[in-house]
Amino acid sequence: MPLLRIHLDSDRSTARRVLQLHQEGKGHHESREAAREQAWRQGRTPAGEPVFVGITNGRRNVQLLYDVEVYSDATP
């Protein structure tokens, strides 16, 4: 199944907290749900849990990065 890369706008403190939770083996429920909702808004059906892959290192705009496995759009 294809992966969809989701970019979620965030602030620096939230991004650091999400990264720290990930490093501790925990998840950030709110951002994971936001990634799933973004996949739906892009017209794709999530096939699994969003996977946190990191944060951008922007000076102004920091983003959380998630990969979401989605069902392919192939029709018979």
Protein backbone atom coordinates (compact mmCIF):
# COMPACT_ATOMS: atom_id res chain seq x y z
CA MET A 1 0.00 0.00 0.00
CA PRO A 2 1.23 3.50 -0.77
CA LEU A 3 2.44 5.90 1.89
CA LEU A 4 1.26 9.48 2.05
CA ARG A 5 3.61 12.02 3.68
CA ILE A 6 1.64 14.44 5.84
CA HIS A 7 3.04 17.84 6.91
CA LEU A 8 1.32 19.38 9.94
CA ASP A 9 2.02 22.97 10.95
CA SER A 10 3.20 23.23 14.54
CA ASP A 11 4.96 25.52 16.96
CA ARG A 12 8.46 24.80 18.25
CA SER A 13 7.44 23.73 21.77
CA THR A 14 4.81 21.28 20.52
CA ALA A 15 7.22 19.89 17.94
CA ARG A 16 9.86 19.32 20.61
CA ARG A 17 7.31 17.63 22.86
CA VAL A 18 6.11 15.31 20.06
CA LEU A 19 9.73 14.44 19.19
CA GLN A 20 10.54 13.73 22.85
CA LEU A 21 7.46 11.51 23.24
CA HIS A 22 8.46 9.60 20.10
CA GLN A 23 12.00 9.09 21.42
CA GLU A 24 10.50 7.72 24.66
CA GLY A 25 8.46 5.20 22.67
CA LYS A 26 5.19 7.05 23.23
CA GLY A 27 2.87 8.81 20.84
CA HIS A 28 1.16 12.19 20.62
CA HIS A 29 -2.51 11.40 20.13
CA GLU A 30 -3.62 14.84 18.91
CA SER A 31 -1.06 15.14 16.12
CA ARG A 32 -1.55 11.50 15.07
CA GLU A 33 -5.29 12.12 14.72
CA ALA A 34 -4.61 15.36 12.82
CA ALA A 35 -2.42 13.41 10.37
CA ARG A 36 -5.20 10.86 9.85
CA GLU A 37 -7.74 13.66 9.26
CA GLN A 38 -5.39 15.34 6.77
CA ALA A 39 -5.19 12.12 4.77
CA TRP A 40 -9.01 12.04 4.63
CA ARG A 41 -9.08 15.71 3.53
CA GLN A 42 -6.70 14.82 0.69
CA GLY A 43 -9.22 12.24 -0.51
CA ARG A 44 -7.29 9.18 0.68
CA THR A 45 -8.48 6.42 3.02
CA PRO A 46 -6.01 5.63 5.81
CA ALA A 47 -5.15 1.93 6.04
CA GLY A 48 -3.18 2.09 9.28
CA GLU A 49 -1.91 4.25 12.08
CA PRO A 50 0.05 7.38 11.14
CA VAL A 51 3.78 6.94 11.82
CA PHE A 52 5.77 9.91 13.14
CA VAL A 53 8.91 10.38 11.04
CA GLY A 54 10.28 13.70 12.32
CA ILE A 55 10.02 17.46 12.31
CA THR A 56 11.19 20.07 9.84
CA ASN A 57 13.91 22.47 10.87
CA GLY A 58 12.32 25.66 9.60
CA ARG A 59 13.21 28.98 11.13
CA ARG A 60 9.65 30.25 11.10
CA ASN A 61 7.35 27.38 10.24
CA VAL A 62 7.98 24.08 11.98
CA GLN A 63 6.07 21.04 10.73
CA LEU A 64 5.47 17.58 12.10
CA LEU A 65 5.99 14.85 9.51
CA TYR A 66 3.90 11.69 9.45
CA ASP A 67 3.67 8.81 7.01
CA VAL A 68 0.17 7.40 6.62
CA GLU A 69 -0.40 4.13 4.82
CA VAL A 70 -3.41 4.58 2.52
CA TYR A 71 -5.45 2.33 0.30
CA SER A 72 -4.57 2.63 -3.38
CA ASP A 73 -7.08 4.27 -5.69
CA ALA A 74 -6.97 1.42 -8.18
CA THR A 75 -10.39 0.41 -9.41
CA PRO A 76 -11.13 -2.82 -11.26
